[in-house]
Amino acid sequence: MQINKAEFLMSNTRFEFLPNDNIPEYAFIGRSNVGKSSLINMLVQRRGLAKTSSVPGKTVAINHFIVNDAWYLVDLPGYGYAQHSKKTREQWRVMINNYILRRRNLVCTFVLVDARLEPQNNDLGFMEWLGENHMPFCIVFTKADKVSKAELDRNVAALKQRLLEDWEELPPMFVTSAEKRQGRDEVLNYIEAQNAELADLMNKR
């Protein structure tokens, strides 16, 4: 997929104020400081489109970006950052849950995990919640350039093994590096294929 245009559209904390149309939507979420904003900027080749920060918990709302005037890329607040108050974290949880469970044009949620780490309980718990609610998702390993290939392979294999303890089939997985632009084509080609499949379904109706 070629990205010709990517623009920030809006930021919301309330579900009823989200864009009111049927454009396909792809959400990106992960633990705080997993490199979500850097990955988004790499995918659309727009430095600074999604605001990056060395401070975890920077994203505090649902941010919509319109790509090629054809689909939405959605930046969701991160989870697992304990420095915010319990009340704030609960508000984020409700906001994210409402969005994922109620957003009809959400095609897929990309769950970002740090490639440098062994499987984390909060990542696994979030994936389990998605599965229990029958919400399609992909796993995106970030910061692959920050770890040796042997350790990367070990961490990817460990996550797969952990998921297969409870799952019969694994979700699609992508290994990425924002700095090296690794995995960009694979993620965008997946989105392009999903969009084409949706268009075919619409044409058959």
C-alpha atoms as a PDB file:
ATOM      1  CA  MET A   1       0.000   0.000   0.000  1.00  0.00           C
ATOM      2  CA  GLN A   2       1.220   3.450  -0.892  1.00  0.00           C
ATOM      3  CA  ILE A   3       0.453   6.221   1.588  1.00  0.00           C
ATOM      4  CA  ASN A   4      -0.347   9.421  -0.287  1.00  0.00           C
ATOM      5  CA  LYS A   5      -2.053  11.314   2.507  1.00  0.00           C
ATOM      6  CA  ALA A   6      -2.342  11.058   6.277  1.00  0.00           C
ATOM      7  CA  GLU A   7      -3.929  13.724   8.451  1.00  0.00           C
ATOM      8  CA  PHE A   8      -5.041  14.118  12.046  1.00  0.00           C
ATOM      9  CA  LEU A   9      -8.833  14.287  12.148  1.00  0.00           C
ATOM     10  CA  MET A  10      -9.975  14.501  15.762  1.00  0.00           C
ATOM     11  CA  SER A  11      -9.359  13.551  19.373  1.00  0.00           C
ATOM     12  CA  ASN A  12     -12.175  12.371  21.652  1.00  0.00           C
ATOM     13  CA  THR A  13     -12.806  10.831  25.026  1.00  0.00           C
ATOM     14  CA  ARG A  14     -16.526  10.201  24.434  1.00  0.00           C
ATOM     15  CA  PHE A  15     -17.820   7.476  22.153  1.00  0.00           C
ATOM     16  CA  GLU A  16     -20.778   9.513  20.862  1.00  0.00           C
ATOM     17  CA  PHE A  17     -18.456  12.146  19.394  1.00  0.00           C
ATOM     18  CA  LEU A  18     -16.418   9.766  17.228  1.00  0.00           C
ATOM     19  CA  PRO A  19     -16.598  10.129  13.427  1.00  0.00           C
ATOM     20  CA  ASN A  20     -20.044   9.200  12.152  1.00  0.00           C
ATOM     21  CA  ASP A  21     -19.368   7.269   8.962  1.00  0.00           C
ATOM     22  CA  ASN A  22     -18.589   3.763   7.708  1.00  0.00           C
ATOM     23  CA  ILE A  23     -14.909   4.152   6.808  1.00  0.00           C
ATOM     24  CA  PRO A  24     -12.859   1.080   7.864  1.00  0.00           C
ATOM     25  CA  GLU A  25     -10.959   1.622  11.094  1.00  0.00           C
ATOM     26  CA  TYR A  26      -7.771   0.075  12.483  1.00  0.00           C
ATOM     27  CA  ALA A  27      -6.873   0.694  16.116  1.00  0.00           C
ATOM     28  CA  PHE A  28      -3.394   0.593  17.655  1.00  0.00           C
ATOM     29  CA  ILE A  29      -2.949  -0.077  21.365  1.00  0.00           C
ATOM     30  CA  GLY A  30      -0.302  -1.385  23.746  1.00  0.00           C
ATOM     31  CA  ARG A  31       1.362  -0.886  27.077  1.00  0.00           C
ATOM     32  CA  SER A  32       2.538   2.644  27.750  1.00  0.00           C
ATOM     33  CA  ASN A  33       5.914   3.432  26.144  1.00  0.00           C
ATOM     34  CA  VAL A  34       5.741   0.457  23.773  1.00  0.00           C
ATOM     35  CA  GLY A  35       6.580   2.731  20.817  1.00  0.00           C
ATOM     36  CA  LYS A  36       3.069   3.140  19.451  1.00  0.00           C
ATOM     37  CA  SER A  37       3.382   6.725  18.202  1.00  0.00           C
ATOM     38  CA  SER A  38       6.743   6.022  16.563  1.00  0.00           C
ATOM     39  CA  LEU A  39       5.266   3.009  14.781  1.00  0.00           C
ATOM     40  CA  ILE A  40       2.261   5.006  13.554  1.00  0.00           C
ATOM     41  CA  ASN A  41       4.509   7.766  12.205  1.00  0.00           C
ATOM     42  CA  MET A  42       6.668   5.171  10.456  1.00  0.00           C
ATOM     43  CA  LEU A  43       3.670   3.482   8.852  1.00  0.00           C
ATOM     44  CA  VAL A  44       2.277   6.694   7.353  1.00  0.00           C
ATOM     45  CA  GLN A  45       5.728   8.277   6.788  1.00  0.00           C
ATOM     46  CA  ARG A  46       4.755  11.452   8.609  1.00  0.00           C
ATOM     47  CA  ARG A  47       7.159  12.390  11.374  1.00  0.00           C
ATOM     48  CA  GLY A  48       5.283  13.985  14.247  1.00  0.00           C
ATOM     49  CA  LEU A  49       1.783  13.039  13.077  1.00  0.00           C
ATOM     50  CA  ALA A  50       1.282  10.998  16.237  1.00  0.00           C
ATOM     51  CA  LYS A  51       2.959  12.795  19.126  1.00  0.00           C
ATOM     52  CA  THR A  52       5.863  10.838  20.606  1.00  0.00           C
ATOM     53  CA  SER A  53       7.162  11.327  24.122  1.00  0.00           C
ATOM     54  CA  SER A  54       9.713   9.825  26.495  1.00  0.00           C
ATOM     55  CA  VAL A  55       7.040  10.101  29.194  1.00  0.00           C
ATOM     56  CA  PRO A  56       4.707   7.066  29.335  1.00  0.00           C
ATOM     57  CA  GLY A  57       0.963   7.651  29.241  1.00  0.00           C
ATOM     58  CA  LYS A  58       1.094  10.551  26.769  1.00  0.00           C
ATOM     59  CA  THR A  59      -1.948   9.461  24.739  1.00  0.00           C
ATOM     60  CA  VAL A  60      -5.052  10.186  26.837  1.00  0.00           C
ATOM     61  CA  ALA A  61      -7.820  10.129  24.210  1.00  0.00           C
ATOM     62  CA  ILE A  62      -8.982   8.296  21.100  1.00  0.00           C
ATOM     63  CA  ASN A  63      -7.117   9.925  18.206  1.00  0.00           C
ATOM     64  CA  HIS A  64      -8.380   9.474  14.654  1.00  0.00           C
ATOM     65  CA  PHE A  65      -6.137   9.889  11.610  1.00  0.00           C
ATOM     66  CA  ILE A  66      -7.561   9.672   8.089  1.00  0.00           C
ATOM     67  CA  VAL A  67      -5.277   7.832   5.639  1.00  0.00           C
ATOM     68  CA  ASN A  68      -5.586   8.182   1.855  1.00  0.00           C
ATOM     69  CA  ASP A  69      -9.104   9.524   2.476  1.00  0.00           C
ATOM     70  CA  ALA A  70     -10.060   5.837   2.669  1.00  0.00           C
ATOM     71  CA  TRP A  71      -9.472   4.438   6.163  1.00  0.00           C
ATOM     72  CA  TYR A  72      -8.931   5.512   9.742  1.00  0.00           C
ATOM     73  CA  LEU A  73      -5.876   4.779  11.803  1.00  0.00           C
ATOM     74  CA  VAL A  74      -6.846   5.094  15.481  1.00  0.00           C
ATOM     75  CA  ASP A  75      -4.351   5.762  18.261  1.00  0.00           C
ATOM     76  CA  LEU A  76      -5.716   4.480  21.599  1.00  0.00           C
ATOM     77  CA  PRO A  77      -4.374   5.266  25.086  1.00  0.00           C
ATOM     78  CA  GLY A  78      -1.859   2.795  26.430  1.00  0.00           C
ATOM     79  CA  TYR A  79      -2.514   0.455  29.326  1.00  0.00           C
ATOM     80  CA  GLY A  80      -0.424  -0.724  32.249  1.00  0.00           C
ATOM     81  CA  TYR A  81       0.960   2.680  33.305  1.00  0.00           C
ATOM     82  CA  ALA A  82       0.530   2.906  37.081  1.00  0.00           C
ATOM     83  CA  GLN A  83       1.601   6.518  37.597  1.00  0.00           C
ATOM     84  CA  HIS A  84      -1.828   7.877  36.720  1.00  0.00           C
ATOM     85  CA  SER A  85      -4.525   7.760  39.387  1.00  0.00           C
ATOM     86  CA  LYS A  86      -6.753   4.730  39.772  1.00  0.00           C
ATOM     87  CA  LYS A  87      -9.732   6.878  38.757  1.00  0.00           C
ATOM     88  CA  THR A  88      -7.988   8.022  35.550  1.00  0.00           C
ATOM     89  CA  ARG A  89      -6.957   4.481  34.656  1.00  0.00           C
ATOM     90  CA  GLU A  90     -10.544   3.299  35.162  1.00  0.00           C
ATOM     91  CA  GLN A  91     -11.840   6.109  32.911  1.00  0.00           C
ATOM     92  CA  TRP A  92      -9.387   5.027  30.219  1.00  0.00           C
ATOM     93  CA  ARG A  93     -10.438   1.385  30.600  1.00  0.00           C
ATOM     94  CA  VAL A  94     -14.118   2.253  30.168  1.00  0.00           C
ATOM     95  CA  MET A  95     -13.336   4.503  27.182  1.00  0.00           C
ATOM     96  CA  ILE A  96     -11.245   1.834  25.448  1.00  0.00           C
ATOM     97  CA  ASN A  97     -13.743  -0.942  26.182  1.00  0.00           C
ATOM     98  CA  ASN A  98     -16.633   1.127  24.839  1.00  0.00           C
ATOM     99  CA  TYR A  99     -14.703   1.934  21.694  1.00  0.00           C
ATOM    100  CA  ILE A 100     -13.564  -1.615  20.914  1.00  0.00           C
ATOM    101  CA  LEU A 101     -16.855  -3.320  21.739  1.00  0.00           C
ATOM    102  CA  ARG A 102     -19.228  -0.765  20.217  1.00  0.00           C
ATOM    103  CA  ARG A 103     -17.364   0.679  17.216  1.00  0.00           C
ATOM    104  CA  ARG A 104     -19.059  -1.036  14.270  1.00  0.00           C
ATOM    105  CA  ASN A 105     -16.508  -0.058  11.603  1.00  0.00           C
ATOM    106  CA  LEU A 106     -13.513  -1.243  13.663  1.00  0.00           C
ATOM    107  CA  VAL A 107     -11.958  -3.913  11.458  1.00  0.00           C
ATOM    108  CA  CYS A 108      -8.985  -4.938  13.555  1.00  0.00           C
ATOM    109  CA  THR A 109      -7.072  -3.953  16.688  1.00  0.00           C
ATOM    110  CA  PHE A 110      -3.280  -4.056  16.482  1.00  0.00           C
ATOM    111  CA  VAL A 111      -1.893  -4.981  19.904  1.00  0.00           C
ATOM    112  CA  LEU A 112       1.679  -3.745  20.247  1.00  0.00           C
ATOM    113  CA  VAL A 113       4.136  -5.667  22.429  1.00  0.00           C
ATOM    114  CA  ASP A 114       7.766  -4.859  23.193  1.00  0.00           C
ATOM    115  CA  ALA A 115      10.002  -7.307  21.322  1.00  0.00           C
ATOM    116  CA  ARG A 116      12.676  -6.934  24.004  1.00  0.00           C
ATOM    117  CA  LEU A 117      10.524  -8.529  26.693  1.00  0.00           C
ATOM    118  CA  GLU A 118       9.164 -11.951  27.516  1.00  0.00           C
ATOM    119  CA  PRO A 119       5.334 -12.224  27.488  1.00  0.00           C
ATOM    120  CA  GLN A 120       3.816  -9.664  29.857  1.00  0.00           C
ATOM    121  CA  ASN A 121       0.711 -10.405  31.918  1.00  0.00           C
ATOM    122  CA  ASN A 122      -1.076  -7.169  30.992  1.00  0.00           C
ATOM    123  CA  ASP A 123      -0.546  -7.848  27.279  1.00  0.00           C
ATOM    124  CA  LEU A 124      -1.783 -11.412  27.661  1.00  0.00           C
ATOM    125  CA  GLY A 125      -4.763 -10.275  29.709  1.00  0.00           C
ATOM    126  CA  PHE A 126      -5.778  -7.725  27.097  1.00  0.00           C
ATOM    127  CA  MET A 127      -5.493 -10.285  24.289  1.00  0.00           C
ATOM    128  CA  GLU A 128      -7.568 -12.722  26.331  1.00  0.00           C
ATOM    129  CA  TRP A 129     -10.248 -10.049  26.786  1.00  0.00           C
ATOM    130  CA  LEU A 130     -10.296  -9.416  23.012  1.00  0.00           C
ATOM    131  CA  GLY A 131     -10.650 -13.137  22.359  1.00  0.00           C
ATOM    132  CA  GLU A 132     -13.430 -13.574  24.900  1.00  0.00           C
ATOM    133  CA  ASN A 133     -15.347 -10.786  23.172  1.00  0.00           C
ATOM    134  CA  HIS A 134     -14.644 -12.201  19.678  1.00  0.00           C
ATOM    135  CA  MET A 135     -12.804  -9.058  18.576  1.00  0.00           C
ATOM    136  CA  PRO A 136     -10.260  -9.612  15.763  1.00  0.00           C
ATOM    137  CA  PHE A 137      -6.729  -8.496  16.506  1.00  0.00           C
ATOM    138  CA  CYS A 138      -3.134  -8.735  15.330  1.00  0.00           C
ATOM    139  CA  ILE A 139       0.048  -8.708  17.388  1.00  0.00           C
ATOM    140  CA  VAL A 140       2.807  -6.245  16.472  1.00  0.00           C
ATOM    141  CA  PHE A 141       6.240  -6.676  18.021  1.00  0.00           C
ATOM    142  CA  THR A 142       7.914  -3.264  18.318  1.00  0.00           C
ATOM    143  CA  LYS A 143      11.543  -2.152  18.804  1.00  0.00           C
ATOM    144  CA  ALA A 144      12.930  -5.232  17.052  1.00  0.00           C
ATOM    145  CA  ASP A 145      16.148  -3.332  16.343  1.00  0.00           C
ATOM    146  CA  LYS A 146      16.810  -2.992  20.086  1.00  0.00           C
ATOM    147  CA  VAL A 147      17.365  -6.693  20.633  1.00  0.00           C
ATOM    148  CA  SER A 148      19.498  -9.444  19.121  1.00  0.00           C
ATOM    149  CA  LYS A 149      17.889 -11.751  16.585  1.00  0.00           C
ATOM    150  CA  ALA A 150      18.297 -14.703  18.944  1.00  0.00           C
ATOM    151  CA  GLU A 151      16.502 -12.896  21.765  1.00  0.00           C
ATOM    152  CA  LEU A 152      13.830 -11.615  19.391  1.00  0.00           C
ATOM    153  CA  ASP A 153      13.144 -15.120  18.113  1.00  0.00           C
ATOM    154  CA  ARG A 154      13.035 -16.418  21.681  1.00  0.00           C
ATOM    155  CA  ASN A 155      10.540 -13.773  22.837  1.00  0.00           C
ATOM    156  CA  VAL A 156       8.306 -14.268  19.787  1.00  0.00           C
ATOM    157  CA  ALA A 157       8.357 -18.035  20.295  1.00  0.00           C
ATOM    158  CA  ALA A 158       7.595 -17.611  24.005  1.00  0.00           C
ATOM    159  CA  LEU A 159       4.517 -15.506  23.281  1.00  0.00           C
ATOM    160  CA  LYS A 160       3.284 -17.967  20.672  1.00  0.00           C
ATOM    161  CA  GLN A 161       3.761 -20.859  23.093  1.00  0.00           C
ATOM    162  CA  ARG A 162       1.949 -18.998  25.857  1.00  0.00           C
ATOM    163  CA  LEU A 163      -1.019 -18.179  23.595  1.00  0.00           C
ATOM    164  CA  LEU A 164      -1.273 -21.734  22.302  1.00  0.00           C
ATOM    165  CA  GLU A 165      -1.915 -22.893  25.873  1.00  0.00           C
ATOM    166  CA  ASP A 166      -5.387 -21.352  25.539  1.00  0.00           C
ATOM    167  CA  TRP A 167      -5.889 -20.675  21.819  1.00  0.00           C
ATOM    168  CA  GLU A 168      -6.381 -23.113  18.962  1.00  0.00           C
ATOM    169  CA  GLU A 169      -5.216 -20.604  16.365  1.00  0.00           C
ATOM    170  CA  LEU A 170      -2.756 -17.721  16.600  1.00  0.00           C
ATOM    171  CA  PRO A 171      -3.608 -14.212  15.374  1.00  0.00           C
ATOM    172  CA  PRO A 172      -1.509 -12.603  12.606  1.00  0.00           C
ATOM    173  CA  MET A 173       1.838 -11.352  13.911  1.00  0.00           C
ATOM    174  CA  PHE A 174       4.242  -8.709  12.637  1.00  0.00           C
ATOM    175  CA  VAL A 175       7.778  -7.839  13.720  1.00  0.00           C
ATOM    176  CA  THR A 176       8.554  -4.134  13.377  1.00  0.00           C
ATOM    177  CA  SER A 177      11.136  -1.450  14.006  1.00  0.00           C
ATOM    178  CA  ALA A 178      10.195   2.207  13.634  1.00  0.00           C
ATOM    179  CA  GLU A 179      13.842   3.209  13.226  1.00  0.00           C
ATOM    180  CA  LYS A 180      14.643   0.578  10.580  1.00  0.00           C
ATOM    181  CA  ARG A 181      11.191   0.772   8.907  1.00  0.00           C
ATOM    182  CA  GLN A 182      10.972  -2.991   9.413  1.00  0.00           C
ATOM    183  CA  GLY A 183       7.549  -4.547   9.016  1.00  0.00           C
ATOM    184  CA  ARG A 184       5.977  -1.485   7.397  1.00  0.00           C
ATOM    185  CA  ASP A 185       5.021  -3.197   4.139  1.00  0.00           C
ATOM    186  CA  GLU A 186       3.671  -6.246   5.951  1.00  0.00           C
ATOM    187  CA  VAL A 187       1.342  -4.230   8.214  1.00  0.00           C
ATOM    188  CA  LEU A 188       0.125  -1.946   5.428  1.00  0.00           C
ATOM    189  CA  ASN A 189      -0.387  -4.861   3.035  1.00  0.00           C
ATOM    190  CA  TYR A 190      -2.508  -6.576   5.684  1.00  0.00           C
ATOM    191  CA  ILE A 191      -4.667  -3.447   6.048  1.00  0.00           C
ATOM    192  CA  GLU A 192      -4.928  -3.133   2.266  1.00  0.00           C
ATOM    193  CA  ALA A 193      -6.083  -6.761   1.981  1.00  0.00           C
ATOM    194  CA  GLN A 194      -8.694  -6.229   4.701  1.00  0.00           C
ATOM    195  CA  ASN A 195      -9.982  -3.116   2.947  1.00  0.00           C
ATOM    196  CA  ALA A 196     -10.217  -4.994  -0.362  1.00  0.00           C
ATOM    197  CA  GLU A 197     -12.115  -7.836   1.303  1.00  0.00           C
ATOM    198  CA  LEU A 198     -14.555  -5.378   2.863  1.00  0.00           C
ATOM    199  CA  ALA A 199     -15.081  -3.665  -0.510  1.00  0.00           C
ATOM    200  CA  ASP A 200     -15.838  -7.038  -2.140  1.00  0.00           C
ATOM    201  CA  LEU A 201     -18.407  -7.821   0.546  1.00  0.00           C
ATOM    202  CA  MET A 202     -20.083  -4.463   0.064  1.00  0.00           C
ATOM    203  CA  ASN A 203     -20.218  -4.939  -3.713  1.00  0.00           C
ATOM    204  CA  LYS A 204     -21.912  -8.319  -3.314  1.00  0.00           C
ATOM    205  CA  ARG A 205     -24.724  -6.910  -1.198  1.00  0.00           C
END
